[in-house]
Amino acid sequence: MSDFSDTVILVTGGTRGIGRACVEAFAQKGGTVAFCGRSQETAETVAAEIAEATGATVKGYQADISNDTEVDALVKAVTEDLGAPTILVNNAGITKDGLLMRMKNDAWDDVMQTNLNSAFYTCRAVSRGMMKARYGRIINLSSIVGVHGQAGQANYAASKAGLIGFSKSLAQEFASRNITVNVITPGYITTDMTAELNEDALNEFVKQIPAKRAGSPDEIASATVFLASQEAAYITGHVLAVDGGLGM
């Protein structure tokens, strides 16, 4: 598979879980990787760890990707420090679950702002550099919940479903410029976000998965690297389920 030695990659939410696995995977392939997190100290620590382990150039930034001004500043800083990103992985996301009749406006707005609006901000910010390069790869991390829904997650499901429609529209806008836009819909993946489930709930959930196990962040990262590679140059507007068969 392609290496990424002449490529600048930007990953949102890269300090842990799926995001960190993506940073590590691209770094292992020789990419120059920038990522953001909520804490500058944490981002710098994670960047140093991955750089030491892989020998790649890895730089962490603090940014609130739900704020368009901070996103523009992030992309400007990455471009000045490392070069214009031609691969973007939108991974950052939050949940604020609750039944609709009890859901407060803030819980709806915060999830939509972080999960969906942020992708609009980041894609817009990197698009000029990609258009100029006549090359780009955008991979947006949605969720199985964005396809099938989930009781108690109306806000999260709406944000992740919106990401799919957004990505398909961008794929049509950018295709003639050699820029692909694809979506990955993870199923149940072992991350800090899913670790809040108790063991009984986890066991019940795993029973529903044909593969009979949870997925790992590395498995999502592998799919992300593939969609960013030259081998996937003719794939755009696609929604790739990485879910052990759960969505069948």
Protein backbone atom coordinates (compact mmCIF):
# COMPACT_ATOMS: atom_id res chain seq x y z
CA MET A 1 0.00 0.00 0.00
CA SER A 2 1.06 3.57 -0.63
CA ASP A 3 3.38 5.26 1.77
CA PHE A 4 2.73 8.84 2.77
CA SER A 5 6.28 10.19 2.94
CA ASP A 6 5.48 13.38 1.00
CA THR A 7 2.08 13.95 2.56
CA VAL A 8 0.75 16.12 5.38
CA ILE A 9 -2.15 14.53 7.24
CA LEU A 10 -4.47 16.32 9.67
CA VAL A 11 -6.48 14.26 12.19
CA THR A 12 -9.04 15.82 14.52
CA GLY A 13 -9.40 14.34 17.98
CA GLY A 14 -6.04 12.62 17.76
CA THR A 15 -5.00 12.24 21.39
CA ARG A 16 -6.79 8.95 22.13
CA GLY A 17 -8.93 6.14 20.79
CA ILE A 18 -9.58 5.95 17.06
CA GLY A 19 -7.96 9.32 16.41
CA ARG A 20 -4.68 8.35 18.04
CA ALA A 21 -4.70 5.02 16.18
CA CYS A 22 -5.06 6.95 12.92
CA VAL A 23 -2.17 9.26 13.82
CA GLU A 24 0.00 6.24 14.63
CA ALA A 25 -0.96 4.42 11.43
CA PHE A 26 -0.11 7.34 9.16
CA ALA A 27 3.12 8.00 11.05
CA GLN A 28 4.12 4.36 10.60
CA LYS A 29 3.61 4.85 6.85
CA GLY A 30 6.00 7.79 6.87
CA GLY A 31 3.45 10.58 6.79
CA THR A 32 3.90 14.00 8.36
CA VAL A 33 1.02 14.03 10.82
CA ALA A 34 -0.68 16.92 12.56
CA PHE A 35 -3.52 16.39 14.97
CA CYS A 36 -5.54 18.39 17.45
CA GLY A 37 -6.96 17.82 20.89
CA ARG A 38 -8.55 19.87 23.63
CA SER A 39 -5.36 20.15 25.70
CA GLN A 40 -2.08 21.49 24.31
CA GLU A 41 -0.08 19.62 26.95
CA THR A 42 -1.75 16.31 26.13
CA ALA A 43 -1.38 16.89 22.40
CA GLU A 44 2.34 17.61 22.75
CA THR A 45 2.88 14.54 24.95
CA VAL A 46 1.07 12.23 22.52
CA ALA A 47 2.91 13.72 19.54
CA ALA A 48 6.27 13.14 21.22
CA GLU A 49 5.39 9.52 22.05
CA ILE A 50 4.30 8.71 18.50
CA ALA A 51 7.23 10.54 16.92
CA GLU A 52 9.67 8.61 19.08
CA ALA A 53 8.02 5.29 18.29
CA THR A 54 7.79 5.81 14.53
CA GLY A 55 10.53 8.28 13.61
CA ALA A 56 7.95 10.38 11.76
CA THR A 57 7.26 14.09 12.07
CA VAL A 58 4.24 14.39 14.35
CA LYS A 59 2.91 17.63 15.80
CA GLY A 60 0.01 18.14 18.21
CA TYR A 61 -2.13 21.27 18.47
CA GLN A 62 -4.81 22.53 20.80
CA ALA A 63 -8.05 23.47 19.06
CA ASP A 64 -11.78 23.49 19.71
CA ILE A 65 -13.00 22.17 16.39
CA SER A 66 -16.56 23.26 17.15
CA ASN A 67 -15.32 26.85 16.74
CA ASP A 68 -14.78 27.92 13.14
CA THR A 69 -12.23 30.58 14.03
CA GLU A 70 -10.09 28.05 15.89
CA VAL A 71 -10.34 25.59 13.00
CA ASP A 72 -9.15 28.22 10.52
CA ALA A 73 -6.27 29.09 12.87
CA LEU A 74 -5.40 25.39 13.24
CA VAL A 75 -5.21 24.78 9.49
CA LYS A 76 -3.19 27.97 9.02
CA ALA A 77 -0.74 26.89 11.72
CA VAL A 78 -0.37 23.37 10.31
CA THR A 79 0.21 24.78 6.82
CA GLU A 80 2.86 27.20 8.08
CA ASP A 81 4.59 24.56 10.23
CA LEU A 82 4.40 21.47 8.05
CA GLY A 83 2.75 22.27 4.72
CA ALA A 84 -0.83 22.23 3.47
CA PRO A 85 -2.72 19.09 4.53
CA THR A 86 -3.86 16.95 1.61
CA ILE A 87 -5.36 14.24 3.84
CA LEU A 88 -7.99 15.12 6.42
CA VAL A 89 -9.48 12.69 8.93
CA ASN A 90 -12.47 14.07 10.80
CA ASN A 91 -12.62 11.89 13.89
CA ALA A 92 -13.45 14.16 16.83
CA GLY A 93 -16.89 13.62 18.34
CA ILE A 94 -18.92 13.67 21.53
CA THR A 95 -22.08 12.11 22.90
CA LYS A 96 -24.70 13.62 25.18
CA ASP A 97 -27.28 10.86 25.29
CA GLY A 98 -30.83 11.09 26.54
CA LEU A 99 -34.41 10.42 25.56
CA LEU A 100 -35.83 13.08 23.26
CA MET A 101 -38.55 14.24 25.62
CA ARG A 102 -35.91 15.07 28.25
CA MET A 103 -33.18 16.34 25.94
CA LYS A 104 -32.13 19.93 26.52
CA ASN A 105 -31.29 22.27 23.67
CA ASP A 106 -27.66 22.40 24.78
CA ALA A 107 -27.31 18.63 24.49
CA TRP A 108 -28.61 18.78 20.92
CA ASP A 109 -26.61 21.85 19.91
CA ASP A 110 -23.30 20.73 21.43
CA VAL A 111 -23.37 17.35 19.69
CA MET A 112 -24.33 18.82 16.33
CA GLN A 113 -21.70 21.54 16.64
CA THR A 114 -18.88 19.16 17.54
CA ASN A 115 -19.80 16.20 15.34
CA LEU A 116 -21.21 17.83 12.21
CA ASN A 117 -20.49 21.54 12.05
CA SER A 118 -16.82 20.90 12.82
CA ALA A 119 -16.52 18.75 9.69
CA PHE A 120 -17.92 21.61 7.65
CA TYR A 121 -15.33 23.95 9.18
CA THR A 122 -12.36 21.61 8.67
CA CYS A 123 -13.30 20.57 5.12
CA ARG A 124 -13.81 24.19 4.12
CA ALA A 125 -10.49 25.18 5.68
CA VAL A 126 -8.42 22.51 3.90
CA SER A 127 -10.27 22.60 0.59
CA ARG A 128 -8.35 25.55 -0.85
CA GLY A 129 -5.00 23.79 -0.39
CA MET A 130 -6.36 20.56 -1.82
CA MET A 131 -7.84 22.35 -4.83
CA LYS A 132 -4.51 24.07 -5.46
CA ALA A 133 -2.67 20.73 -5.24
CA ARG A 134 -5.37 19.04 -7.34
CA TYR A 135 -5.19 16.22 -4.84
CA GLY A 136 -6.85 15.34 -1.59
CA ARG A 137 -8.35 12.65 0.61
CA ILE A 138 -11.07 13.38 3.15
CA ILE A 139 -12.24 10.61 5.46
CA ASN A 140 -15.11 11.43 7.80
CA LEU A 141 -15.82 9.16 10.75
CA SER A 142 -19.55 8.62 11.14
CA SER A 143 -21.14 5.73 13.06
CA ILE A 144 -23.40 2.75 12.61
CA VAL A 145 -25.86 4.83 14.64
CA GLY A 146 -25.92 7.37 11.82
CA VAL A 147 -27.23 4.67 9.49
CA HIS A 148 -29.56 2.68 11.74
CA GLY A 149 -30.39 5.08 14.58
CA GLN A 150 -30.35 4.32 18.29
CA ALA A 151 -32.90 5.07 20.99
CA GLY A 152 -31.58 7.68 23.37
CA GLN A 153 -29.13 9.05 20.81
CA ALA A 154 -31.28 11.22 18.54
CA ASN A 155 -28.73 14.03 18.61
CA TYR A 156 -25.74 11.76 17.96
CA ALA A 157 -27.55 9.81 15.22
CA ALA A 158 -28.64 13.02 13.50
CA SER A 159 -25.10 14.42 13.55
CA LYS A 160 -23.61 11.22 12.17
CA ALA A 161 -26.31 10.81 9.51
CA GLY A 162 -25.76 14.41 8.50
CA LEU A 163 -22.08 13.67 8.07
CA ILE A 164 -22.92 11.03 5.46
CA GLY A 165 -25.05 13.39 3.36
CA PHE A 166 -22.45 16.13 3.74
CA SER A 167 -19.68 13.79 2.58
CA LYS A 168 -21.59 12.56 -0.47
CA SER A 169 -22.22 16.15 -1.53
CA LEU A 170 -18.56 17.06 -1.13
CA ALA A 171 -17.54 13.97 -3.08
CA GLN A 172 -19.54 15.26 -6.04
CA GLU A 173 -18.11 18.77 -5.73
CA PHE A 174 -14.47 17.66 -5.49
CA ALA A 175 -14.23 14.56 -7.69
CA SER A 176 -13.01 16.37 -10.82
CA ARG A 177 -10.06 17.79 -8.83
CA ASN A 178 -8.76 14.37 -7.78
CA ILE A 179 -10.11 14.83 -4.25
CA THR A 180 -12.01 11.91 -2.76
CA VAL A 181 -14.42 12.09 0.17
CA ASN A 182 -15.45 8.93 1.97
CA VAL A 183 -17.10 7.89 5.22
CA ILE A 184 -16.35 5.13 7.70
CA THR A 185 -19.12 3.93 9.98
CA PRO A 186 -17.57 2.10 12.94
CA GLY A 187 -19.64 -0.33 14.93
CA TYR A 188 -18.82 -1.11 18.55
CA ILE A 189 -15.16 -0.16 19.05
CA THR A 190 -13.28 -0.36 22.36
CA THR A 191 -12.48 3.27 23.20
CA ASP A 192 -12.75 5.55 26.22
CA MET A 193 -16.16 6.64 24.95
CA THR A 194 -17.53 3.08 24.92
CA ALA A 195 -15.71 2.02 28.10
CA GLU A 196 -18.52 3.55 30.13
CA LEU A 197 -20.71 0.50 29.44
CA ASN A 198 -20.80 -2.01 32.28
CA GLU A 199 -19.71 -5.59 31.62
CA ASP A 200 -23.24 -7.01 31.39
CA ALA A 201 -24.28 -4.36 28.87
CA LEU A 202 -21.10 -4.98 26.89
CA ASN A 203 -21.71 -8.74 26.78
CA GLU A 204 -25.28 -8.22 25.58
CA PHE A 205 -24.06 -5.86 22.89
CA VAL A 206 -21.35 -8.23 21.68
CA LYS A 207 -23.94 -11.01 21.29
CA GLN A 208 -25.56 -8.92 18.55
CA ILE A 209 -22.33 -8.67 16.54
CA PRO A 210 -21.87 -11.49 14.00
CA ALA A 211 -18.09 -11.37 14.57
CA LYS A 212 -18.79 -11.90 18.31
CA ARG A 213 -16.33 -9.28 19.45
CA ALA A 214 -15.80 -5.56 19.66
CA GLY A 215 -13.54 -3.89 17.13
CA SER A 216 -10.28 -2.11 17.89
CA PRO A 217 -9.22 1.45 17.03
CA ASP A 218 -6.42 -0.04 14.90
CA GLU A 219 -9.00 -1.71 12.65
CA ILE A 220 -10.66 1.64 11.99
CA ALA A 221 -7.26 3.21 11.38
CA SER A 222 -6.39 0.54 8.81
CA ALA A 223 -9.56 1.32 6.86
CA THR A 224 -8.78 5.03 7.09
CA VAL A 225 -5.27 4.54 5.71
CA PHE A 226 -6.66 2.49 2.82
CA LEU A 227 -9.19 5.17 1.86
CA ALA A 228 -6.38 7.75 1.98
CA SER A 229 -4.11 5.68 -0.25
CA GLN A 230 -3.48 5.71 -3.99
CA GLU A 231 -5.09 2.28 -4.16
CA ALA A 232 -8.42 3.90 -3.24
CA ALA A 233 -8.17 6.70 -5.81
CA TYR A 234 -11.34 5.57 -7.62
CA ILE A 235 -13.44 5.31 -4.47
CA THR A 236 -15.41 8.40 -3.50
CA GLY A 237 -18.77 9.09 -1.90
CA HIS A 238 -18.62 5.65 -0.31
CA VAL A 239 -19.79 4.64 3.17
CA LEU A 240 -17.61 1.84 4.53
CA ALA A 241 -18.98 -0.09 7.49
CA VAL A 242 -16.29 -1.44 9.82
CA ASP A 243 -18.55 -3.12 12.34
CA GLY A 244 -18.04 -6.90 12.43
CA GLY A 245 -21.29 -7.33 10.51
CA LEU A 246 -23.44 -5.53 13.06
CA GLY A 247 -25.11 -3.35 10.45
CA MET A 248 -26.23 -6.18 8.14
